[in-house]
Protein backbone atom coordinates (compact mmCIF):
# COMPACT_ATOMS: atom_id res chain seq x y z
CA UNK A 1 0.00 0.00 0.00
CA UNK A 2 1.25 3.47 -0.90
CA UNK A 3 2.54 5.47 2.06
CA UNK A 4 1.97 9.19 2.55
CA UNK A 5 3.52 11.51 5.07
CA UNK A 6 5.03 14.84 5.99
CA UNK A 7 8.65 15.88 6.43
CA UNK A 8 10.13 18.89 8.16
CA UNK A 9 13.66 19.97 9.09
CA UNK A 10 14.43 20.97 12.67
CA UNK A 11 16.69 21.06 15.69
CA UNK A 12 16.48 22.64 19.15
CA UNK A 13 17.05 26.14 17.75
CA UNK A 14 13.58 26.02 16.16
CA UNK A 15 11.99 23.97 18.95
CA UNK A 16 9.05 26.34 19.54
CA UNK A 17 8.33 26.50 15.82
CA UNK A 18 8.49 22.72 15.52
CA UNK A 19 5.98 22.26 18.33
CA UNK A 20 3.61 24.79 16.75
CA UNK A 21 3.92 23.10 13.33
CA UNK A 22 3.27 19.62 14.73
CA UNK A 23 0.23 20.86 16.63
CA UNK A 24 -1.15 22.56 13.51
CA UNK A 25 -0.63 19.36 11.50
CA UNK A 26 -2.56 17.32 14.06
CA UNK A 27 -5.41 19.81 14.21
CA UNK A 28 -5.77 20.80 10.56
CA UNK A 29 -4.46 17.80 8.61
CA UNK A 30 -5.03 14.85 10.91
CA UNK A 31 -3.78 13.14 14.05
CA UNK A 32 -2.80 9.99 12.21
CA UNK A 33 -0.69 11.32 9.33
CA UNK A 34 2.94 10.30 9.94
CA UNK A 35 5.55 13.03 10.28
CA UNK A 36 9.30 12.58 9.92
CA UNK A 37 11.68 15.21 11.31
CA UNK A 38 14.95 15.51 9.40
CA UNK A 39 17.75 16.64 11.75
CA UNK A 40 19.39 19.93 10.81
CA UNK A 41 22.35 18.95 13.01
CA UNK A 42 22.97 17.09 16.29
CA UNK A 43 21.45 19.81 18.51
CA UNK A 44 18.40 17.65 19.19
CA UNK A 45 17.88 17.12 22.92
CA UNK A 46 14.50 18.90 23.18
CA UNK A 47 13.54 17.88 19.65
CA UNK A 48 13.94 14.18 20.43
CA UNK A 49 11.86 14.50 23.60
CA UNK A 50 9.07 16.16 21.60
CA UNK A 51 9.23 13.49 18.90
CA UNK A 52 9.09 10.69 21.49
CA UNK A 53 5.96 12.24 23.01
CA UNK A 54 4.03 11.83 19.73
CA UNK A 55 3.25 8.38 18.38
CA UNK A 56 2.95 9.52 14.76
CA UNK A 57 6.26 11.44 14.66
CA UNK A 58 9.73 9.97 14.15
CA UNK A 59 13.28 11.16 13.52
CA UNK A 60 14.85 10.65 10.10
CA UNK A 61 17.83 8.37 10.66
CA UNK A 62 19.25 7.62 7.20
CA UNK A 63 22.76 8.93 7.78
CA UNK A 64 23.89 7.86 4.30
CA UNK A 65 21.25 10.11 2.73
CA UNK A 66 22.21 13.08 4.91
CA UNK A 67 25.87 12.58 4.06
CA UNK A 68 25.08 12.29 0.35
CA UNK A 69 23.36 15.66 0.33
CA UNK A 70 26.04 17.22 2.54
CA UNK A 71 28.70 16.03 0.11
CA UNK A 72 26.79 17.30 -2.91
CA UNK A 73 26.38 20.79 -1.48
CA UNK A 74 29.95 21.05 -0.22
CA UNK A 75 31.31 19.96 -3.59
CA UNK A 76 29.13 22.26 -5.68
CA UNK A 77 29.06 25.61 -3.87
CA UNK A 78 32.84 26.23 -3.84
CA UNK A 79 32.62 26.59 -7.64
CA UNK A 80 30.33 29.60 -7.35
CA UNK A 81 32.07 32.95 -8.03
CA UNK A 82 31.23 34.11 -4.50
CA UNK A 83 33.30 31.33 -2.97
CA UNK A 84 36.41 33.50 -3.13
CA UNK A 85 34.69 36.62 -1.74
CA UNK A 86 35.46 36.14 1.95
CA UNK A 87 33.62 39.25 3.15
CA UNK A 88 30.28 38.43 1.53
CA UNK A 89 29.44 35.04 3.02
CA UNK A 90 25.76 34.80 4.01
CA UNK A 91 24.55 33.86 7.48
CA UNK A 92 23.59 30.40 6.25
CA UNK A 93 27.06 29.71 4.78
CA UNK A 94 27.88 26.02 5.27
CA UNK A 95 24.56 25.44 7.00
CA UNK A 96 22.45 22.30 6.63
CA UNK A 97 19.16 23.59 5.22
CA UNK A 98 19.78 21.42 2.16
CA UNK A 99 19.19 18.32 4.28
CA UNK A 100 15.48 18.81 3.61
CA UNK A 101 16.14 17.15 0.24
CA UNK A 102 16.83 13.88 2.05
CA UNK A 103 13.03 13.63 1.94
CA UNK A 104 13.48 12.21 -1.57
CA UNK A 105 15.28 9.26 0.04
CA UNK A 106 12.80 8.73 2.86
CA UNK A 107 10.14 6.15 3.58
CA UNK A 108 7.04 7.89 2.21
CA UNK A 109 5.99 7.09 -1.36
CA UNK A 110 4.35 10.52 -1.54
CA UNK A 111 5.19 13.34 0.80
CA UNK A 112 4.80 17.02 1.57
CA UNK A 113 7.67 19.00 3.06
CA UNK A 114 6.97 21.92 5.43
CA UNK A 115 9.63 24.32 6.66
CA UNK A 116 9.54 24.34 10.47
CA UNK A 117 8.65 28.05 10.51
CA UNK A 118 5.21 27.25 9.09
CA UNK A 119 1.76 26.33 10.33
CA UNK A 120 -0.43 23.86 8.45
CA UNK A 121 -3.86 25.25 7.66
CA UNK A 122 -5.79 22.59 5.71
CA UNK A 123 -5.75 18.91 4.62
CA UNK A 124 -3.40 17.71 1.89
CA UNK A 125 -5.66 15.52 -0.24
CA UNK A 126 -5.61 17.91 -3.20
CA UNK A 127 -1.81 18.08 -3.12
CA UNK A 128 -1.40 14.31 -3.01
CA UNK A 129 -3.90 14.03 -5.88
CA UNK A 130 -1.77 16.38 -8.00
CA UNK A 131 1.07 13.88 -7.66
CA UNK A 132 -0.96 11.55 -9.89
CA UNK A 133 -0.01 13.83 -12.78
CA UNK A 134 3.12 15.68 -11.61
CA UNK A 135 6.43 14.82 -9.97
CA UNK A 136 6.83 18.04 -8.01
CA UNK A 137 4.13 20.29 -6.56
CA UNK A 138 4.65 23.77 -5.08
CA UNK A 139 2.61 26.62 -3.68
CA UNK A 140 4.68 29.80 -3.79
CA UNK A 141 5.16 33.00 -5.79
CA UNK A 142 8.86 32.87 -6.66
CA UNK A 143 7.94 32.81 -10.35
CA UNK A 144 6.25 36.19 -9.94
CA UNK A 145 9.27 38.01 -8.49
CA UNK A 146 10.55 40.98 -10.45
CA UNK A 147 13.59 40.39 -12.61
CA UNK A 148 16.82 40.62 -10.59
CA UNK A 149 14.83 39.74 -7.45
CA UNK A 150 14.55 36.09 -8.39
CA UNK A 151 17.20 33.77 -6.95
CA UNK A 152 18.36 32.70 -10.39
CA UNK A 153 19.77 34.92 -13.13
CA UNK A 154 17.18 34.62 -15.89
CA UNK A 155 19.52 36.07 -18.53
CA UNK A 156 22.24 33.54 -17.66
CA UNK A 157 19.75 30.68 -17.97
CA UNK A 158 18.47 32.00 -21.30
CA UNK A 159 22.04 32.16 -22.60
CA UNK A 160 22.86 28.63 -21.42
CA UNK A 161 19.68 26.87 -22.45
CA UNK A 162 18.05 28.93 -25.19
CA UNK A 163 14.85 29.05 -23.15
CA UNK A 164 12.78 32.22 -23.09
CA UNK A 165 11.91 34.06 -19.90
CA UNK A 166 8.29 32.98 -20.39
CA UNK A 167 9.45 29.35 -20.38
CA UNK A 168 11.72 29.75 -17.37
CA UNK A 169 9.46 31.66 -15.00
CA UNK A 170 6.81 28.95 -14.42
CA UNK A 171 9.61 26.63 -13.33
CA UNK A 172 10.89 28.94 -10.59
CA UNK A 173 9.89 27.95 -7.08
CA UNK A 174 10.81 28.04 -3.41
CA UNK A 175 11.81 25.08 -1.22
CA UNK A 176 9.86 25.99 1.92
CA UNK A 177 6.88 23.84 0.92
CA UNK A 178 6.84 21.17 -1.76
CA UNK A 179 5.31 17.80 -2.48
CA UNK A 180 6.91 14.96 -4.37
CA UNK A 181 7.59 11.23 -4.56
CA UNK A 182 10.27 9.00 -3.14
CA UNK A 183 13.17 8.25 -5.46
CA UNK A 184 13.62 11.51 -7.33
CA UNK A 185 17.24 12.69 -7.63
CA UNK A 186 18.89 9.29 -7.08
CA UNK A 187 22.71 9.18 -6.69
CA UNK A 188 23.39 8.67 -10.42
CA UNK A 189 21.22 11.63 -11.41
CA UNK A 190 22.64 13.85 -8.68
CA UNK A 191 26.15 13.04 -9.90
CA UNK A 192 25.17 14.06 -13.43
CA UNK A 193 23.61 17.31 -12.17
CA UNK A 194 26.69 18.04 -10.08
CA UNK A 195 28.87 17.80 -13.19
CA UNK A 196 26.58 20.17 -15.09
CA UNK A 197 26.73 22.69 -12.25
CA UNK A 198 30.52 22.52 -12.11
CA UNK A 199 31.73 21.64 -15.60
CA UNK A 200 29.08 23.63 -17.49
CA UNK A 201 29.15 26.49 -14.95
CA UNK A 202 25.42 26.25 -14.31
CA UNK A 203 26.18 27.09 -10.69
CA UNK A 204 26.59 30.64 -12.00
CA UNK A 205 22.86 30.75 -12.65
CA UNK A 206 22.56 31.56 -8.95
CA UNK A 207 22.80 35.28 -8.16
CA UNK A 208 25.69 36.26 -5.89
CA UNK A 209 23.34 37.40 -3.13
CA UNK A 210 21.77 33.92 -3.04
CA UNK A 211 25.02 32.03 -2.71
CA UNK A 212 24.54 28.97 -0.50
CA UNK A 213 20.74 29.23 -0.75
CA UNK A 214 19.05 25.82 -0.65
CA UNK A 215 16.13 27.21 -2.60
CA UNK A 216 18.41 28.47 -5.36
CA UNK A 217 20.21 25.14 -5.67
CA UNK A 218 16.87 23.30 -5.73
CA UNK A 219 15.83 25.49 -8.66
CA UNK A 220 18.97 24.62 -10.59
CA UNK A 221 18.31 20.92 -10.06
CA UNK A 222 14.68 20.99 -11.12
CA UNK A 223 15.39 23.21 -14.13
CA UNK A 224 17.84 20.64 -15.46
CA UNK A 225 15.69 17.60 -14.71
CA UNK A 226 12.83 16.16 -16.73
CA UNK A 227 10.45 16.11 -13.79
CA UNK A 228 6.99 17.60 -14.30
CA UNK A 229 5.97 20.45 -12.01
CA UNK A 230 2.77 22.11 -10.82
CA UNK A 231 2.46 25.29 -8.79
CA UNK A 232 -0.86 26.08 -7.11
CA UNK A 233 -0.22 29.80 -7.59
CA UNK A 234 -0.32 29.16 -11.35
CA UNK A 235 -3.44 27.01 -11.18
CA UNK A 236 -6.26 27.77 -13.64
CA UNK A 237 -8.58 27.48 -10.64
CA UNK A 238 -8.56 30.86 -8.92
CA UNK A 239 -9.52 29.22 -5.64
CA UNK A 240 -6.08 27.58 -5.54
CA UNK A 241 -4.16 30.84 -5.73
CA UNK A 242 -3.51 32.28 -2.27
CA UNK A 243 -0.81 34.08 -0.35
CA UNK A 244 1.23 32.24 2.25
CA UNK A 245 3.86 34.58 3.75
CA UNK A 246 3.20 36.13 7.15
CA UNK A 247 5.18 39.26 6.34
CA UNK A 248 3.76 39.83 2.86
CA UNK A 249 0.11 38.77 2.66
CA UNK A 250 -3.15 39.63 4.38
CA UNK A 251 -5.14 36.87 6.03
CA UNK A 252 -8.33 36.46 8.01
CA UNK A 253 -8.61 34.03 10.93
CA UNK A 254 -11.76 31.92 11.29
CA UNK A 255 -11.82 29.40 14.13
CA UNK A 256 -8.04 29.19 14.28
CA UNK A 257 -7.57 28.77 10.52
CA UNK A 258 -6.22 31.45 8.18
CA UNK A 259 -7.84 32.37 4.89
CA UNK A 260 -6.77 34.71 2.12
CA UNK A 261 -8.29 38.09 2.93
CA UNK A 262 -9.41 38.49 -0.66
CA UNK A 263 -11.97 35.80 -1.41
CA UNK A 264 -11.54 33.99 1.92
CA UNK A 265 -9.66 31.18 0.20
CA UNK A 266 -8.12 28.61 2.60
CA UNK A 267 -4.31 28.42 2.73
CA UNK A 268 -2.19 25.30 2.68
CA UNK A 269 0.11 26.93 5.23
CA UNK A 270 1.35 30.23 6.62
CA UNK A 271 5.09 30.68 6.35
CA UNK A 272 6.87 32.91 8.88
CA UNK A 273 9.83 33.54 6.59
CA UNK A 274 12.21 36.43 7.32
CA UNK A 275 11.67 36.12 11.08
CA UNK A 276 14.58 34.84 13.19
CA UNK A 277 14.11 31.71 15.28
CA UNK A 278 15.30 33.75 18.28
CA UNK A 279 12.26 36.00 17.83
CA UNK A 280 9.94 33.02 18.29
CA UNK A 281 11.86 31.88 21.36
CA UNK A 282 11.41 35.32 22.90
CA UNK A 283 7.77 35.43 21.86
CA UNK A 284 7.12 32.12 23.61
CA UNK A 285 8.83 33.49 26.72
CA UNK A 286 6.39 36.42 26.83
CA UNK A 287 8.15 39.15 24.87
CA UNK A 288 6.06 41.28 22.53
CA UNK A 289 8.07 40.62 19.39
CA UNK A 290 7.23 42.29 16.09
CA UNK A 291 5.89 39.22 14.27
CA UNK A 292 2.76 39.43 12.16
CA UNK A 293 0.08 36.84 13.03
CA UNK A 294 1.93 36.07 16.27
CA UNK A 295 -1.35 35.40 18.08
CA UNK A 296 -2.18 32.44 15.88
CA UNK A 297 1.37 31.14 16.24
CA UNK A 298 1.04 31.23 20.02
CA UNK A 299 -2.34 29.50 19.77
CA UNK A 300 -0.75 26.51 18.05
CA UNK A 301 2.47 26.58 20.09
CA UNK A 302 0.54 26.08 23.32
CA UNK A 303 -2.38 24.12 21.90
CA UNK A 304 -1.50 21.05 23.98
CA UNK A 305 -0.20 22.95 26.99
CA UNK A 306 -2.75 25.74 27.58
CA UNK A 307 -1.52 26.14 31.15
CA UNK A 308 1.76 27.49 29.72
CA UNK A 309 0.13 29.94 27.32
CA UNK A 310 1.33 33.53 27.57
CA UNK A 311 -1.35 35.72 29.12
CA UNK A 312 0.21 39.09 28.34
CA UNK A 313 3.14 40.03 26.12
CA UNK A 314 5.62 42.64 27.32
CA UNK A 315 7.89 44.95 25.33
CA UNK A 316 11.67 44.63 25.95
CA UNK A 317 13.35 47.49 27.82
CA UNK A 318 15.86 49.95 26.33
CA UNK A 319 18.80 48.19 27.97
CA UNK A 320 17.84 44.84 26.44
CA UNK A 321 17.41 46.42 23.00
CA UNK A 322 20.80 48.11 23.26
CA UNK A 323 22.55 44.94 24.36
CA UNK A 324 21.07 43.01 21.45
CA UNK A 325 22.28 45.60 18.95
CA UNK A 326 25.76 45.42 20.45
CA UNK A 327 25.76 41.62 20.35
CA UNK A 328 24.67 41.72 16.71
CA UNK A 329 27.48 44.14 15.82
CA UNK A 330 30.08 41.99 17.61
CA UNK A 331 28.80 38.92 15.79
CA UNK A 332 29.17 40.63 12.41
CA UNK A 333 32.73 41.72 13.20
CA UNK A 334 33.67 38.19 14.24
CA UNK A 335 32.31 36.79 10.96
CA UNK A 336 34.34 39.28 8.94
CA UNK A 337 37.58 38.25 10.62
CA UNK A 338 36.75 34.55 10.92
């Protein structure tokens, strides 16, 4: 029998976000759907305790798969022009966000991946159904970004492939939420794609500012593959096209579920991108952090532990704000001279 499930990527740094996501999955998708947490790194003490408290959640333990993707990333990115620019390394330089792609090696025949900084808002039947006809399914607006704001250089791709911008754009996507099938990007194919990125300089499709971006590298892989793709934001059914970003779109809450403000269309998920994990930690400790839709996040974070729910949020004092700015400056200086 075909297996279906959900993957996410987490460690203790995003513990509060992981708890909120798991609670939203149970409430809005189902208590029985299996969830597999891919480890970002070995900082997993609280994460493992949370996983062990839920019968339908397990930890991804295929070390060979994690190593395969680690090796791929660490072999490809040094060939990007930015590799020699020591002062422009991004915060996620040599991070492990790419381990989310181990989901292609996992146990589920069909799966949906959620970034941990998300909340699930509705069932997944329609997404799984789309996998009858497509290999990869997305729900994001990367294809609609203005030129030069996309993660990939459209002119470079046009020059390399002969494709037009109109052909390229529908294939652009994010990696924060995607559905697919087990077995895509096997070792032999990944080796071939690695050679194209290095030997054919396709790694230069990635804009300098997006160096080491997992989303950008995912785009280069899918652009060069023969896999069929569907994006709900390009669906002919207007009811499928919604926003999903907490800091960019307007939503309406009805009984704990978010809907697109325009048309009250239900979302697949809300994504709290561009907010630091430290902000959510502070929020869950009672600080009034500037996060849009923070009330609904707190609702799901403490859904199973209402006795711990924050009754009143408090603004940080001037001293705390000043200390954080100083710490941030010191951190930047250390990175420059590292």
